[in-house]
Amino acid sequence: MSTRSQDQTQDLKVLGTGRLQSPEGGPSVALLEAFPNCFPQRPYVISISFPEFTSLCPVTGQPDCGTITVEYIPDELCVESKSFKLYMFAFRNHQSFMETITNNVLEDLRTLLNPCWCRVKGLFAPRGGTRIHVFAETFKDGMPEEQNRLVREAVAAWKSEPDPHRP
């Protein structure tokens, strides 16, 4: 006999359908889905890593590969992981610089989730003998003072943990 959690899934369209949405205009916040955070009173970190990221250089058309890692403290919403995967797939034929990609992922997640804190790390594989790592982050504006303090403490603790990807 299985039991059911309090997770609210009725509005999710991609998970469980077995169908991939066609990213006709390339990566877009419209490809992402969110579900309600069951614990908005607690600042906790969610980390999602996509180690098979690929995109194309906007000048040469050559592939860029790497790992995109998203770390965030949710407020009211959490990103649904399958939609995130499909969103990442939308970059495969998308031409953009690594710095732009990393910042656009951050902006799309901020638009979708309005998280208390979010950091996107683009850890790109060396090409032409050069390794590029891009880090972009944002804190939510207008949080109550106590919530802001708790979120910043949680972020500081999270960042103090050893990270094998940090140069």
C-alpha atoms as a PDB file:
ATOM      1  CA  MET A   1       0.000   0.000   0.000  1.00  0.00           C
ATOM      2  CA  SER A   2       1.408   3.395  -0.913  1.00  0.00           C
ATOM      3  CA  THR A   3       0.881   6.644   0.898  1.00  0.00           C
ATOM      4  CA  ARG A   4       0.620  10.142  -0.521  1.00  0.00           C
ATOM      5  CA  SER A   5       2.503  13.267   0.581  1.00  0.00           C
ATOM      6  CA  GLN A   6       1.131  16.781   0.753  1.00  0.00           C
ATOM      7  CA  ASP A   7       2.871  17.669  -2.541  1.00  0.00           C
ATOM      8  CA  GLN A   8       0.558  19.488  -4.931  1.00  0.00           C
ATOM      9  CA  THR A   9       0.999  18.039  -8.420  1.00  0.00           C
ATOM     10  CA  GLN A  10      -2.323  18.759 -10.121  1.00  0.00           C
ATOM     11  CA  ASP A  11      -0.933  21.678 -12.170  1.00  0.00           C
ATOM     12  CA  LEU A  12       2.153  19.867 -13.522  1.00  0.00           C
ATOM     13  CA  LYS A  13       1.819  19.116 -17.240  1.00  0.00           C
ATOM     14  CA  VAL A  14       5.173  17.600 -18.286  1.00  0.00           C
ATOM     15  CA  LEU A  15       5.952  15.133 -15.501  1.00  0.00           C
ATOM     16  CA  GLY A  16       4.515  11.701 -16.207  1.00  0.00           C
ATOM     17  CA  THR A  17       3.376  12.410 -19.772  1.00  0.00           C
ATOM     18  CA  GLY A  18       6.390  10.831 -21.455  1.00  0.00           C
ATOM     19  CA  ARG A  19       6.254  13.641 -24.016  1.00  0.00           C
ATOM     20  CA  LEU A  20       8.943  16.184 -24.647  1.00  0.00           C
ATOM     21  CA  GLN A  21       7.750  19.694 -25.284  1.00  0.00           C
ATOM     22  CA  SER A  22       9.258  21.115 -28.474  1.00  0.00           C
ATOM     23  CA  PRO A  23      11.403  24.148 -27.581  1.00  0.00           C
ATOM     24  CA  GLU A  24      10.516  26.028 -30.765  1.00  0.00           C
ATOM     25  CA  GLY A  25      11.945  29.396 -29.748  1.00  0.00           C
ATOM     26  CA  GLY A  26      14.865  27.872 -27.871  1.00  0.00           C
ATOM     27  CA  PRO A  27      15.218  28.065 -24.093  1.00  0.00           C
ATOM     28  CA  SER A  28      12.418  29.974 -22.403  1.00  0.00           C
ATOM     29  CA  VAL A  29      10.891  30.323 -18.961  1.00  0.00           C
ATOM     30  CA  ALA A  30       7.713  28.939 -20.574  1.00  0.00           C
ATOM     31  CA  LEU A  31       9.363  25.480 -20.622  1.00  0.00           C
ATOM     32  CA  LEU A  32       9.709  25.472 -16.823  1.00  0.00           C
ATOM     33  CA  GLU A  33       7.067  24.334 -14.345  1.00  0.00           C
ATOM     34  CA  ALA A  34       6.841  24.922 -10.601  1.00  0.00           C
ATOM     35  CA  PHE A  35       5.016  23.369  -7.683  1.00  0.00           C
ATOM     36  CA  PRO A  36       4.199  24.799  -4.251  1.00  0.00           C
ATOM     37  CA  ASN A  37       6.915  24.663  -1.590  1.00  0.00           C
ATOM     38  CA  CYS A  38       5.519  22.741   1.389  1.00  0.00           C
ATOM     39  CA  PHE A  39       8.048  24.365   3.756  1.00  0.00           C
ATOM     40  CA  PRO A  40       8.196  28.110   2.963  1.00  0.00           C
ATOM     41  CA  GLN A  41       8.819  28.940   6.627  1.00  0.00           C
ATOM     42  CA  ARG A  42      12.194  27.110   6.543  1.00  0.00           C
ATOM     43  CA  PRO A  43      15.180  28.386   4.537  1.00  0.00           C
ATOM     44  CA  TYR A  44      16.590  25.229   2.942  1.00  0.00           C
ATOM     45  CA  VAL A  45      18.770  24.854  -0.144  1.00  0.00           C
ATOM     46  CA  ILE A  46      17.798  22.917  -3.249  1.00  0.00           C
ATOM     47  CA  SER A  47      20.647  22.041  -5.608  1.00  0.00           C
ATOM     48  CA  ILE A  48      20.020  20.769  -9.142  1.00  0.00           C
ATOM     49  CA  SER A  49      22.912  19.818 -11.383  1.00  0.00           C
ATOM     50  CA  PHE A  50      22.764  19.140 -15.122  1.00  0.00           C
ATOM     51  CA  PRO A  51      26.143  17.601 -16.073  1.00  0.00           C
ATOM     52  CA  GLU A  52      25.308  17.042 -19.752  1.00  0.00           C
ATOM     53  CA  PHE A  53      24.754  20.672 -20.741  1.00  0.00           C
ATOM     54  CA  THR A  54      25.492  21.619 -24.347  1.00  0.00           C
ATOM     55  CA  SER A  55      24.998  24.782 -26.377  1.00  0.00           C
ATOM     56  CA  LEU A  56      26.622  26.379 -29.393  1.00  0.00           C
ATOM     57  CA  CYS A  57      29.105  29.236 -29.667  1.00  0.00           C
ATOM     58  CA  PRO A  58      27.331  32.209 -31.276  1.00  0.00           C
ATOM     59  CA  VAL A  59      30.355  32.995 -33.459  1.00  0.00           C
ATOM     60  CA  THR A  60      31.808  29.635 -34.521  1.00  0.00           C
ATOM     61  CA  GLY A  61      28.814  27.332 -34.012  1.00  0.00           C
ATOM     62  CA  GLN A  62      31.129  24.950 -32.152  1.00  0.00           C
ATOM     63  CA  PRO A  63      29.602  23.056 -29.214  1.00  0.00           C
ATOM     64  CA  ASP A  64      30.183  24.218 -25.659  1.00  0.00           C
ATOM     65  CA  CYS A  65      29.718  21.563 -22.980  1.00  0.00           C
ATOM     66  CA  GLY A  66      29.655  21.689 -19.222  1.00  0.00           C
ATOM     67  CA  THR A  67      27.649  21.416 -16.048  1.00  0.00           C
ATOM     68  CA  ILE A  68      24.950  23.852 -15.037  1.00  0.00           C
ATOM     69  CA  THR A  69      24.225  23.805 -11.308  1.00  0.00           C
ATOM     70  CA  VAL A  70      21.348  25.716  -9.770  1.00  0.00           C
ATOM     71  CA  GLU A  71      21.260  26.302  -6.024  1.00  0.00           C
ATOM     72  CA  TYR A  72      18.332  28.112  -4.485  1.00  0.00           C
ATOM     73  CA  ILE A  73      16.333  28.717  -1.342  1.00  0.00           C
ATOM     74  CA  PRO A  74      12.691  28.540  -2.387  1.00  0.00           C
ATOM     75  CA  ASP A  75      10.010  30.889  -1.171  1.00  0.00           C
ATOM     76  CA  GLU A  76       6.555  29.794  -2.334  1.00  0.00           C
ATOM     77  CA  LEU A  77       7.570  27.664  -5.354  1.00  0.00           C
ATOM     78  CA  CYS A  78      10.052  24.949  -6.359  1.00  0.00           C
ATOM     79  CA  VAL A  79      11.099  24.104  -9.917  1.00  0.00           C
ATOM     80  CA  GLU A  80       9.907  20.725 -11.185  1.00  0.00           C
ATOM     81  CA  SER A  81      13.009  18.727 -12.166  1.00  0.00           C
ATOM     82  CA  LYS A  82      11.791  17.151 -15.421  1.00  0.00           C
ATOM     83  CA  SER A  83      10.765  20.535 -16.792  1.00  0.00           C
ATOM     84  CA  PHE A  84      14.214  21.803 -15.767  1.00  0.00           C
ATOM     85  CA  LYS A  85      15.822  18.953 -17.719  1.00  0.00           C
ATOM     86  CA  LEU A  86      13.744  19.773 -20.807  1.00  0.00           C
ATOM     87  CA  TYR A  87      14.629  23.453 -20.393  1.00  0.00           C
ATOM     88  CA  MET A  88      18.323  22.498 -20.340  1.00  0.00           C
ATOM     89  CA  PHE A  89      17.830  20.367 -23.494  1.00  0.00           C
ATOM     90  CA  ALA A  90      16.477  23.482 -25.253  1.00  0.00           C
ATOM     91  CA  PHE A  91      20.004  24.949 -25.190  1.00  0.00           C
ATOM     92  CA  ARG A  92      21.440  22.158 -27.394  1.00  0.00           C
ATOM     93  CA  ASN A  93      20.920  24.061 -30.655  1.00  0.00           C
ATOM     94  CA  HIS A  94      20.959  27.509 -29.077  1.00  0.00           C
ATOM     95  CA  GLN A  95      23.824  29.862 -29.905  1.00  0.00           C
ATOM     96  CA  SER A  96      24.921  32.023 -26.978  1.00  0.00           C
ATOM     97  CA  PHE A  97      27.972  32.877 -24.921  1.00  0.00           C
ATOM     98  CA  MET A  98      28.467  30.971 -21.671  1.00  0.00           C
ATOM     99  CA  GLU A  99      28.167  34.139 -19.588  1.00  0.00           C
ATOM    100  CA  THR A 100      24.827  34.985 -21.203  1.00  0.00           C
ATOM    101  CA  ILE A 101      23.486  31.458 -20.724  1.00  0.00           C
ATOM    102  CA  THR A 102      24.338  31.419 -17.021  1.00  0.00           C
ATOM    103  CA  ASN A 103      22.707  34.787 -16.401  1.00  0.00           C
ATOM    104  CA  ASN A 104      19.633  33.935 -18.503  1.00  0.00           C
ATOM    105  CA  VAL A 105      19.084  30.727 -16.532  1.00  0.00           C
ATOM    106  CA  LEU A 106      19.216  32.803 -13.340  1.00  0.00           C
ATOM    107  CA  GLU A 107      16.722  35.338 -14.726  1.00  0.00           C
ATOM    108  CA  ASP A 108      14.323  32.618 -15.937  1.00  0.00           C
ATOM    109  CA  LEU A 109      14.360  30.910 -12.529  1.00  0.00           C
ATOM    110  CA  ARG A 110      13.889  34.242 -10.784  1.00  0.00           C
ATOM    111  CA  THR A 111      10.914  34.977 -13.038  1.00  0.00           C
ATOM    112  CA  LEU A 112       9.357  31.546 -12.437  1.00  0.00           C
ATOM    113  CA  LEU A 113      10.080  31.062  -8.731  1.00  0.00           C
ATOM    114  CA  ASN A 114      10.909  34.409  -7.125  1.00  0.00           C
ATOM    115  CA  PRO A 115      13.191  32.474  -4.729  1.00  0.00           C
ATOM    116  CA  CYS A 116      14.684  33.888  -1.550  1.00  0.00           C
ATOM    117  CA  TRP A 117      18.123  33.260  -3.061  1.00  0.00           C
ATOM    118  CA  CYS A 118      19.387  31.674  -6.254  1.00  0.00           C
ATOM    119  CA  ARG A 119      22.824  30.994  -7.686  1.00  0.00           C
ATOM    120  CA  VAL A 120      23.567  29.483 -11.083  1.00  0.00           C
ATOM    121  CA  LYS A 121      26.989  28.013 -11.761  1.00  0.00           C
ATOM    122  CA  GLY A 122      28.073  27.373 -15.333  1.00  0.00           C
ATOM    123  CA  LEU A 123      31.106  25.089 -15.205  1.00  0.00           C
ATOM    124  CA  PHE A 124      32.133  24.768 -18.828  1.00  0.00           C
ATOM    125  CA  ALA A 125      34.569  22.225 -20.262  1.00  0.00           C
ATOM    126  CA  PRO A 126      37.822  23.624 -21.630  1.00  0.00           C
ATOM    127  CA  ARG A 127      37.799  24.573 -25.290  1.00  0.00           C
ATOM    128  CA  GLY A 128      40.910  25.891 -26.957  1.00  0.00           C
ATOM    129  CA  GLY A 129      42.819  25.362 -23.715  1.00  0.00           C
ATOM    130  CA  THR A 130      40.585  27.745 -21.757  1.00  0.00           C
ATOM    131  CA  ARG A 131      38.202  26.775 -18.961  1.00  0.00           C
ATOM    132  CA  ILE A 132      35.388  29.182 -18.141  1.00  0.00           C
ATOM    133  CA  HIS A 133      33.337  29.092 -14.935  1.00  0.00           C
ATOM    134  CA  VAL A 134      30.494  31.593 -14.588  1.00  0.00           C
ATOM    135  CA  PHE A 135      28.696  32.269 -11.283  1.00  0.00           C
ATOM    136  CA  ALA A 136      25.582  34.463 -11.081  1.00  0.00           C
ATOM    137  CA  GLU A 137      23.382  34.958  -8.026  1.00  0.00           C
ATOM    138  CA  THR A 138      20.562  37.037  -6.662  1.00  0.00           C
ATOM    139  CA  PHE A 139      18.740  37.596  -3.374  1.00  0.00           C
ATOM    140  CA  LYS A 140      15.032  38.367  -3.254  1.00  0.00           C
ATOM    141  CA  ASP A 141      14.250  42.027  -2.624  1.00  0.00           C
ATOM    142  CA  GLY A 142      11.904  43.109   0.137  1.00  0.00           C
ATOM    143  CA  MET A 143      12.136  40.110   2.444  1.00  0.00           C
ATOM    144  CA  PRO A 144      11.263  40.815   6.088  1.00  0.00           C
ATOM    145  CA  GLU A 145      14.399  41.480   8.149  1.00  0.00           C
ATOM    146  CA  GLU A 146      14.275  38.185  10.071  1.00  0.00           C
ATOM    147  CA  GLN A 147      13.686  36.132   6.924  1.00  0.00           C
ATOM    148  CA  ASN A 148      16.528  37.980   5.172  1.00  0.00           C
ATOM    149  CA  ARG A 149      18.864  37.203   8.083  1.00  0.00           C
ATOM    150  CA  LEU A 150      17.918  33.495   8.109  1.00  0.00           C
ATOM    151  CA  VAL A 151      18.289  33.191   4.326  1.00  0.00           C
ATOM    152  CA  ARG A 152      21.706  34.887   4.345  1.00  0.00           C
ATOM    153  CA  GLU A 153      22.869  32.618   7.193  1.00  0.00           C
ATOM    154  CA  ALA A 154      21.711  29.538   5.270  1.00  0.00           C
ATOM    155  CA  VAL A 155      23.502  30.761   2.124  1.00  0.00           C
ATOM    156  CA  ALA A 156      26.710  31.433   4.065  1.00  0.00           C
ATOM    157  CA  ALA A 157      26.577  27.949   5.601  1.00  0.00           C
ATOM    158  CA  TRP A 158      25.892  26.378   2.195  1.00  0.00           C
ATOM    159  CA  LYS A 159      28.780  28.252   0.588  1.00  0.00           C
ATOM    160  CA  SER A 160      31.156  27.234   3.368  1.00  0.00           C
ATOM    161  CA  GLU A 161      30.655  23.542   2.503  1.00  0.00           C
ATOM    162  CA  PRO A 162      33.438  22.089   0.346  1.00  0.00           C
ATOM    163  CA  ASP A 163      32.574  22.268  -3.362  1.00  0.00           C
ATOM    164  CA  PRO A 164      34.652  20.052  -5.678  1.00  0.00           C
ATOM    165  CA  HIS A 165      33.747  22.310  -8.634  1.00  0.00           C
ATOM    166  CA  ARG A 166      34.967  25.515  -7.020  1.00  0.00           C
ATOM    167  CA  PRO A 167      38.315  26.577  -8.492  1.00  0.00           C
END
